[in-house]
N, C-alpha and C. Protein backbone atom coordinates (compact mmCIF):
# COMPACT_ATOMS: atom_id res chain seq x y z
N MET A 1 65.87 156.58 189.64
CA MET A 1 66.49 157.46 188.82
C MET A 1 66.13 157.05 187.27
N ILE A 2 66.83 155.98 187.00
CA ILE A 2 66.65 155.70 185.53
C ILE A 2 65.30 154.88 185.20
N LYS A 3 64.40 155.27 184.40
CA LYS A 3 63.44 154.66 184.07
C LYS A 3 63.09 154.01 182.90
N GLY A 4 64.13 153.85 181.94
CA GLY A 4 64.43 152.96 180.92
C GLY A 4 65.04 153.74 179.65
N LEU A 5 65.40 153.16 178.65
CA LEU A 5 66.13 153.88 177.52
C LEU A 5 65.22 154.61 176.67
N TYR A 6 65.71 155.86 176.41
CA TYR A 6 64.94 156.83 175.59
C TYR A 6 65.44 156.76 174.25
N GLU A 7 66.62 156.86 174.03
CA GLU A 7 67.24 157.24 172.71
C GLU A 7 68.40 156.55 172.47
N THR A 8 68.51 155.96 171.04
CA THR A 8 69.83 155.45 170.45
C THR A 8 70.10 156.00 169.14
N HIS A 9 71.29 155.99 168.82
CA HIS A 9 71.76 156.84 167.59
C HIS A 9 72.49 155.45 166.73
N LEU A 10 72.42 155.75 165.34
CA LEU A 10 73.29 154.93 164.24
C LEU A 10 73.75 155.62 163.28
N PHE A 11 74.93 155.45 162.86
CA PHE A 11 75.44 156.05 161.65
C PHE A 11 75.27 155.42 160.62
N VAL A 12 74.59 156.18 159.55
CA VAL A 12 74.39 155.58 158.45
C VAL A 12 74.94 155.99 157.22
N GLU A 13 75.01 155.54 156.08
CA GLU A 13 75.83 156.12 154.74
C GLU A 13 75.16 156.98 154.07
N ASP A 14 73.75 156.49 153.78
CA ASP A 14 72.77 157.24 152.76
C ASP A 14 71.55 157.54 153.83
N LEU A 15 71.43 158.92 154.33
CA LEU A 15 70.31 159.14 155.27
C LEU A 15 68.96 158.98 154.42
N GLN A 16 68.79 159.19 153.40
CA GLN A 16 67.45 159.09 152.73
C GLN A 16 67.09 157.75 152.54
N ARG A 17 68.15 156.88 152.05
CA ARG A 17 68.03 155.54 152.13
C ARG A 17 67.20 154.85 153.53
N SER A 18 67.98 155.31 154.50
CA SER A 18 67.68 154.74 155.76
C SER A 18 66.50 155.49 156.28
N VAL A 19 66.32 156.58 156.07
CA VAL A 19 64.75 157.21 156.36
C VAL A 19 63.90 156.39 155.63
N ASP A 20 64.00 156.08 154.29
CA ASP A 20 63.01 155.12 153.57
C ASP A 20 62.84 153.93 154.25
N PHE A 21 63.86 153.29 154.61
CA PHE A 21 64.09 151.78 155.30
C PHE A 21 63.06 151.94 156.49
N TYR A 22 63.45 152.88 157.48
CA TYR A 22 62.87 153.06 158.74
C TYR A 22 61.29 153.55 158.96
N GLN A 23 61.07 154.27 157.81
CA GLN A 23 59.62 154.90 157.80
C GLN A 23 59.04 153.81 157.02
N GLN A 24 59.14 153.72 155.87
CA GLN A 24 58.39 153.04 154.85
C GLN A 24 58.36 151.44 155.12
N VAL A 25 59.55 150.70 155.50
CA VAL A 25 59.85 149.27 155.55
C VAL A 25 59.32 148.91 156.96
N LEU A 26 59.95 149.72 157.93
CA LEU A 26 59.41 149.15 159.27
C LEU A 26 58.32 149.79 159.96
N GLY A 27 57.98 151.02 159.36
CA GLY A 27 56.79 151.67 159.69
C GLY A 27 56.82 152.70 160.90
N LEU A 28 58.15 153.31 161.25
CA LEU A 28 58.48 154.11 162.27
C LEU A 28 57.89 155.32 161.85
N GLU A 29 57.60 156.17 162.81
CA GLU A 29 57.06 157.58 162.54
C GLU A 29 58.35 158.56 162.61
N LEU A 30 58.55 159.20 161.52
CA LEU A 30 59.48 160.40 161.32
C LEU A 30 59.37 161.40 162.25
N CYS A 31 59.93 161.81 163.03
CA CYS A 31 59.36 162.97 164.20
C CYS A 31 60.38 164.31 163.78
N HIS A 32 61.51 164.05 163.20
CA HIS A 32 62.30 165.27 162.87
C HIS A 32 63.44 164.85 161.78
N GLU A 33 63.71 165.95 161.02
CA GLU A 33 64.67 165.51 159.94
C GLU A 33 65.53 167.16 159.75
N ASP A 34 66.75 167.13 159.64
CA ASP A 34 67.49 168.29 159.33
C ASP A 34 68.36 167.69 158.35
N ALA A 35 68.11 168.43 157.15
CA ALA A 35 68.75 168.00 156.02
C ALA A 35 70.20 168.71 155.94
N GLU A 36 70.09 169.84 156.65
CA GLU A 36 71.62 170.51 156.66
C GLU A 36 72.63 169.57 157.50
N ARG A 37 72.20 169.25 158.68
CA ARG A 37 72.95 168.51 159.50
C ARG A 37 73.05 166.95 159.21
N LYS A 38 72.18 166.65 158.18
CA LYS A 38 72.00 165.26 157.62
C LYS A 38 71.66 164.20 159.05
N ILE A 39 70.77 164.50 159.59
CA ILE A 39 70.28 163.71 160.68
C ILE A 39 68.70 163.56 160.72
N ALA A 40 68.33 162.53 161.14
CA ALA A 40 66.81 162.22 161.20
C ALA A 40 66.49 161.69 162.41
N PHE A 41 65.18 161.80 163.13
CA PHE A 41 64.87 161.06 164.41
C PHE A 41 63.51 160.55 164.11
N PHE A 42 63.13 159.16 164.69
CA PHE A 42 62.01 158.42 164.36
C PHE A 42 61.44 158.25 165.85
N TRP A 43 60.12 158.22 166.20
CA TRP A 43 59.48 157.81 167.17
C TRP A 43 59.55 156.42 167.17
N ILE A 44 59.71 155.80 168.42
CA ILE A 44 59.60 154.14 168.48
C ILE A 44 58.33 154.19 169.39
N GLY A 45 57.46 153.23 168.89
CA GLY A 45 56.25 153.03 169.77
C GLY A 45 55.60 154.42 169.69
N GLN A 46 55.00 154.84 170.90
CA GLN A 46 54.34 156.06 171.09
C GLN A 46 55.17 157.26 170.95
N PRO A 47 54.61 158.40 170.39
CA PRO A 47 55.55 159.58 170.33
C PRO A 47 55.76 160.07 171.55
N LYS A 48 57.19 160.36 171.68
CA LYS A 48 57.74 160.74 173.00
C LYS A 48 58.09 159.74 173.90
N GLY A 49 57.90 158.40 173.59
CA GLY A 49 58.23 157.23 174.37
C GLY A 49 59.64 156.89 174.31
N ALA A 50 60.09 156.82 173.05
CA ALA A 50 61.49 156.61 172.79
C ALA A 50 61.88 156.84 171.42
N MET A 51 63.22 157.13 171.12
CA MET A 51 63.55 157.78 169.89
C MET A 51 64.71 157.06 169.32
N LEU A 52 64.76 156.78 167.94
CA LEU A 52 66.00 156.43 167.21
C LEU A 52 66.52 157.51 166.39
N GLY A 53 67.84 157.68 166.38
CA GLY A 53 68.61 158.67 165.61
C GLY A 53 69.38 158.30 164.56
N LEU A 54 69.33 158.97 163.35
CA LEU A 54 70.17 158.35 162.39
C LEU A 54 71.09 159.68 161.86
N TRP A 55 72.29 159.55 161.75
CA TRP A 55 73.02 160.37 161.50
C TRP A 55 74.03 159.98 160.10
N GLU A 56 73.90 160.64 159.14
CA GLU A 56 74.73 160.39 157.80
C GLU A 56 76.24 160.71 158.04
N LYS A 57 76.90 159.66 157.92
CA LYS A 57 78.36 159.61 157.92
C LYS A 57 79.20 158.81 156.82
N PRO A 58 80.41 159.22 156.54
CA PRO A 58 81.22 158.23 155.73
C PRO A 58 81.09 156.82 155.78
N LYS A 59 81.26 156.06 155.07
CA LYS A 59 81.24 154.41 155.25
C LYS A 59 82.27 153.91 156.13
N ASP A 60 83.37 154.62 156.04
CA ASP A 60 84.43 154.26 157.00
C ASP A 60 84.43 154.61 158.42
N GLU A 61 83.21 155.30 158.62
CA GLU A 61 83.08 156.06 159.94
C GLU A 61 82.07 155.18 160.65
N ILE A 62 81.40 154.12 159.91
CA ILE A 62 80.21 153.54 160.43
C ILE A 62 80.70 152.14 160.86
N ASP A 63 80.40 151.98 162.24
CA ASP A 63 80.52 150.71 162.88
C ASP A 63 78.99 149.91 162.91
N LYS A 64 79.13 148.68 162.70
CA LYS A 64 77.77 147.95 162.65
C LYS A 64 77.29 147.78 164.19
N ARG A 65 75.98 148.25 164.53
CA ARG A 65 75.45 148.19 165.88
C ARG A 65 74.44 147.26 166.00
N HIS A 66 73.81 146.97 167.23
CA HIS A 66 72.81 145.87 167.37
C HIS A 66 71.67 146.73 168.39
N PHE A 67 70.39 146.76 167.98
CA PHE A 67 69.44 147.08 169.16
C PHE A 67 68.11 146.24 168.70
N ALA A 68 67.24 146.21 169.69
CA ALA A 68 66.00 145.38 169.66
C ALA A 68 64.82 146.34 169.82
N PHE A 69 63.86 146.01 168.80
CA PHE A 69 62.53 146.57 169.00
C PHE A 69 61.76 145.64 169.99
N ARG A 70 61.08 146.22 171.09
CA ARG A 70 60.31 145.36 171.74
C ARG A 70 58.83 145.23 171.22
N CYS A 71 58.44 143.83 171.13
CA CYS A 71 57.13 143.31 170.44
C CYS A 71 56.39 142.66 171.30
N ASP A 72 55.13 142.23 170.85
CA ASP A 72 54.34 141.43 171.67
C ASP A 72 54.77 140.03 171.13
N VAL A 73 54.56 138.99 171.88
CA VAL A 73 55.02 137.56 171.77
C VAL A 73 54.21 137.00 170.61
N ASP A 74 52.95 137.41 170.44
CA ASP A 74 52.13 136.61 169.22
C ASP A 74 53.00 137.12 167.87
N ASP A 75 53.38 138.59 168.02
CA ASP A 75 53.83 138.98 166.82
C ASP A 75 55.16 138.64 166.37
N VAL A 76 56.07 138.28 167.44
CA VAL A 76 57.60 137.48 167.29
C VAL A 76 57.32 136.26 166.79
N LEU A 77 56.43 135.53 167.44
CA LEU A 77 56.39 133.91 167.04
C LEU A 77 55.68 133.75 165.85
N ASN A 78 54.39 134.52 165.66
CA ASN A 78 53.60 134.15 164.40
C ASN A 78 53.42 135.17 163.38
N LYS A 79 54.05 136.15 163.41
CA LYS A 79 54.04 137.24 162.28
C LYS A 79 55.42 137.75 161.83
N SER A 80 56.30 137.64 162.73
CA SER A 80 57.61 138.53 162.37
C SER A 80 58.37 138.13 161.10
N VAL A 81 58.45 136.63 160.83
CA VAL A 81 58.98 136.32 159.74
C VAL A 81 58.39 136.62 158.48
N ASP A 82 57.06 136.45 158.55
CA ASP A 82 56.36 136.92 157.24
C ASP A 82 56.44 138.48 157.03
N TYR A 83 56.21 139.11 158.00
CA TYR A 83 56.35 140.43 157.91
C TYR A 83 57.68 140.97 157.48
N LEU A 84 58.72 140.45 157.81
CA LEU A 84 60.23 140.82 157.16
C LEU A 84 60.21 140.38 155.98
N LYS A 85 60.02 139.15 155.73
CA LYS A 85 60.05 138.58 154.37
C LYS A 85 59.07 139.54 153.25
N SER A 86 58.00 140.09 153.74
CA SER A 86 56.90 140.64 152.82
C SER A 86 57.65 141.89 152.38
N ARG A 87 58.76 142.34 153.19
CA ARG A 87 59.51 143.77 153.07
C ARG A 87 60.64 143.50 152.54
N GLY A 88 61.03 142.28 151.73
CA GLY A 88 62.35 142.23 151.25
C GLY A 88 63.51 141.81 152.20
N LEU A 89 63.26 141.27 153.42
CA LEU A 89 64.40 141.47 154.49
C LEU A 89 64.42 139.76 154.69
N LYS A 90 65.54 139.46 155.11
CA LYS A 90 65.96 137.91 155.39
C LYS A 90 66.07 137.85 156.89
N PRO A 91 64.88 137.26 157.62
CA PRO A 91 65.20 136.91 159.03
C PRO A 91 66.12 135.83 159.11
N TYR A 92 66.73 135.97 160.43
CA TYR A 92 67.38 134.97 161.00
C TYR A 92 67.44 134.66 162.40
N ASN A 93 67.87 133.63 162.87
CA ASN A 93 67.82 133.44 164.39
C ASN A 93 69.13 133.63 165.08
N PHE A 94 69.23 133.57 166.19
CA PHE A 94 70.50 134.09 167.10
C PHE A 94 71.59 133.21 166.71
N LEU A 95 71.22 131.80 166.37
CA LEU A 95 72.52 130.80 166.18
C LEU A 95 72.69 131.14 164.47
N LYS A 96 72.23 131.98 163.76
CA LYS A 96 72.43 131.92 162.41
C LYS A 96 72.67 130.55 161.76
N ASP A 97 71.77 129.73 161.87
CA ASP A 97 72.03 128.28 161.39
C ASP A 97 70.95 127.96 160.26
N ALA A 98 70.70 129.08 159.47
CA ALA A 98 69.81 129.02 158.36
C ALA A 98 68.33 128.70 158.60
N SER A 99 68.10 128.70 159.78
CA SER A 99 66.59 128.65 160.30
C SER A 99 66.13 130.03 160.53
N GLU A 100 64.74 130.18 159.86
CA GLU A 100 64.16 131.59 160.14
C GLU A 100 63.09 131.54 161.32
N LYS A 101 63.14 130.49 162.24
CA LYS A 101 62.38 130.30 163.35
C LYS A 101 62.82 131.18 164.44
N PRO A 102 61.98 132.00 165.06
CA PRO A 102 62.41 132.73 166.36
C PRO A 102 62.77 131.68 167.27
N MET A 103 63.88 132.40 168.16
CA MET A 103 64.47 131.34 169.03
C MET A 103 64.27 131.96 170.64
N VAL A 104 64.23 131.29 171.72
CA VAL A 104 64.06 131.64 172.96
C VAL A 104 65.44 131.88 173.76
N PHE A 105 65.70 133.00 174.30
CA PHE A 105 66.81 133.16 175.17
C PHE A 105 66.11 132.63 176.54
N ALA A 106 66.60 131.61 177.08
CA ALA A 106 65.94 130.87 178.34
C ALA A 106 66.32 132.00 179.56
N TRP A 107 67.48 132.53 179.55
CA TRP A 107 67.95 133.26 180.74
C TRP A 107 67.15 134.51 181.05
N MET A 108 66.17 134.88 180.13
CA MET A 108 65.43 136.09 180.33
C MET A 108 64.05 135.81 180.77
N PRO A 109 63.31 134.98 180.35
CA PRO A 109 63.22 134.54 178.90
C PRO A 109 62.52 135.33 177.96
N ALA A 110 62.83 135.49 176.55
CA ALA A 110 62.35 136.05 175.56
C ALA A 110 62.62 135.32 174.32
N ILE A 111 61.68 135.60 173.34
CA ILE A 111 61.70 135.16 172.04
C ILE A 111 62.00 136.28 171.17
N ALA A 112 62.92 135.88 170.08
CA ALA A 112 63.50 136.85 169.14
C ALA A 112 63.73 136.32 167.69
N ILE A 113 63.83 137.20 166.75
CA ILE A 113 64.18 137.14 165.43
C ILE A 113 65.08 138.28 164.96
N TYR A 114 65.86 138.02 164.13
CA TYR A 114 67.04 138.98 163.84
C TYR A 114 67.04 139.35 162.31
N PHE A 115 67.43 140.70 161.97
CA PHE A 115 67.30 141.02 160.53
C PHE A 115 68.50 142.30 160.38
N THR A 116 68.76 142.55 159.25
CA THR A 116 69.65 143.72 158.98
C THR A 116 68.93 144.99 158.35
N ASP A 117 69.51 146.09 158.66
CA ASP A 117 69.13 147.44 157.87
C ASP A 117 69.98 147.46 156.77
N PRO A 118 69.78 148.73 155.97
CA PRO A 118 70.54 148.77 154.56
C PRO A 118 72.01 149.02 154.95
N ASP A 119 72.47 149.56 156.05
CA ASP A 119 73.92 149.52 156.46
C ASP A 119 74.35 148.32 157.22
N GLY A 120 73.73 147.26 157.37
CA GLY A 120 74.11 146.28 158.14
C GLY A 120 74.11 146.26 159.45
N HIS A 121 73.40 147.07 160.11
CA HIS A 121 73.12 147.10 161.53
C HIS A 121 72.22 145.98 161.83
N TYR A 122 72.52 145.11 163.12
CA TYR A 122 71.73 144.04 163.57
C TYR A 122 70.68 144.52 164.27
N LEU A 123 69.27 144.22 163.52
CA LEU A 123 68.05 144.71 164.37
C LEU A 123 67.66 143.30 164.88
N GLU A 124 66.49 143.58 165.78
CA GLU A 124 65.96 142.47 166.54
C GLU A 124 64.54 142.84 166.86
N PHE A 125 63.57 141.88 166.70
CA PHE A 125 62.27 141.92 167.24
C PHE A 125 62.51 140.96 168.56
N ILE A 126 62.11 141.32 169.72
CA ILE A 126 62.05 140.63 170.87
C ILE A 126 60.74 140.81 171.87
N ALA A 127 60.48 139.76 172.36
CA ALA A 127 59.26 139.83 173.30
C ALA A 127 59.72 138.94 174.69
N ILE A 128 59.25 139.61 175.68
CA ILE A 128 59.48 138.67 176.89
C ILE A 128 58.20 137.70 177.22
N LEU A 129 59.09 136.44 177.43
CA LEU A 129 57.95 135.46 177.75
C LEU A 129 57.29 135.23 179.17
N ASP A 130 56.31 134.79 179.45
CA ASP A 130 55.91 134.25 180.83
C ASP A 130 56.75 133.05 181.19
N GLY A 131 57.00 133.06 182.53
CA GLY A 131 57.81 131.83 183.12
C GLY A 131 59.08 132.41 183.75
N ASP A 132 59.48 131.45 184.41
CA ASP A 132 60.62 131.92 185.03
C ASP A 132 61.97 131.70 184.20
N ALA A 133 62.95 132.32 184.22
CA ALA A 133 64.36 132.37 183.66
C ALA A 133 64.87 130.81 183.96
N LYS A 134 65.47 130.48 182.84
CA LYS A 134 66.15 129.05 183.04
C LYS A 134 67.68 129.22 182.39
N PRO A 135 68.53 129.87 182.63
CA PRO A 135 69.77 130.05 182.24
C PRO A 135 70.46 129.07 181.55
N GLU A 136 70.40 128.06 182.58
CA GLU A 136 70.95 126.73 182.09
C GLU A 136 70.66 126.19 180.79
N LEU A 137 69.52 126.55 180.17
CA LEU A 137 69.16 125.90 178.90
C LEU A 137 69.60 126.58 177.67
N GLY A 138 70.30 128.02 177.91
CA GLY A 138 70.81 128.72 176.79
C GLY A 138 69.85 129.35 175.79
N VAL A 139 69.93 129.06 174.38
CA VAL A 139 69.23 129.44 173.65
C VAL A 139 68.68 128.20 172.85
N ILE A 140 67.11 128.25 172.79
CA ILE A 140 66.22 126.94 172.32
C ILE A 140 65.23 127.27 171.75
N SER A 141 64.86 126.41 171.07
CA SER A 141 63.53 126.74 170.28
C SER A 141 62.28 126.90 171.27
N TYR A 142 61.39 127.62 170.34
CA TYR A 142 60.03 127.91 171.17
C TYR A 142 59.30 126.54 171.70
N GLU A 143 59.31 125.57 170.96
CA GLU A 143 58.83 124.19 171.19
C GLU A 143 59.49 123.80 172.45
N GLU A 144 60.75 123.75 172.52
CA GLU A 144 61.57 123.25 173.50
C GLU A 144 61.18 124.09 174.84
N TRP A 145 61.07 125.21 174.60
CA TRP A 145 60.62 126.31 175.87
C TRP A 145 59.27 125.83 176.32
N LEU A 146 58.44 125.55 175.43
CA LEU A 146 57.07 125.16 176.00
C LEU A 146 57.18 123.94 176.93
N LYS A 147 58.02 122.96 176.57
CA LYS A 147 58.05 121.65 177.31
C LYS A 147 58.67 122.07 178.71
N VAL A 148 59.61 123.13 178.93
CA VAL A 148 60.28 122.97 180.03
C VAL A 148 59.99 124.32 180.89
N LYS A 149 59.12 124.95 180.31
CA LYS A 149 58.94 126.37 181.17
C LYS A 149 58.27 126.15 182.44
N GLY A 150 57.57 125.09 182.77
CA GLY A 150 56.80 124.79 184.06
C GLY A 150 55.53 125.49 184.14
């Protein structure tokens, strides 16, 4: 029945600011905007594959949310930090320990790095790694993962 996640929505304070962010900073393709309703939709990946919806709401109606963009391992590991910094964003890892290095969730396993959008929503670049899950290891560095992945 369920084949995957198709669409998610975020409330944003300033629709145009958020459209600019997701289109110009992150490079998503705008597929529909309705100025009267103050909504916008973006394709994620290939058109018609997945969608992000933005709805303008007053600040007091906005709860910070989290979602992750699926990426290639090499992009997360070797390109994501520079990509984010070059766009004026501050990357951080899951532990929020001042390190900008992507970390591994050994229970999946996956490698990820985080950042925020203009409304403070928690965004993530994530890539699934080869190898078996090792949940007992928790969240570890990629270097540690390479030593134990088997």
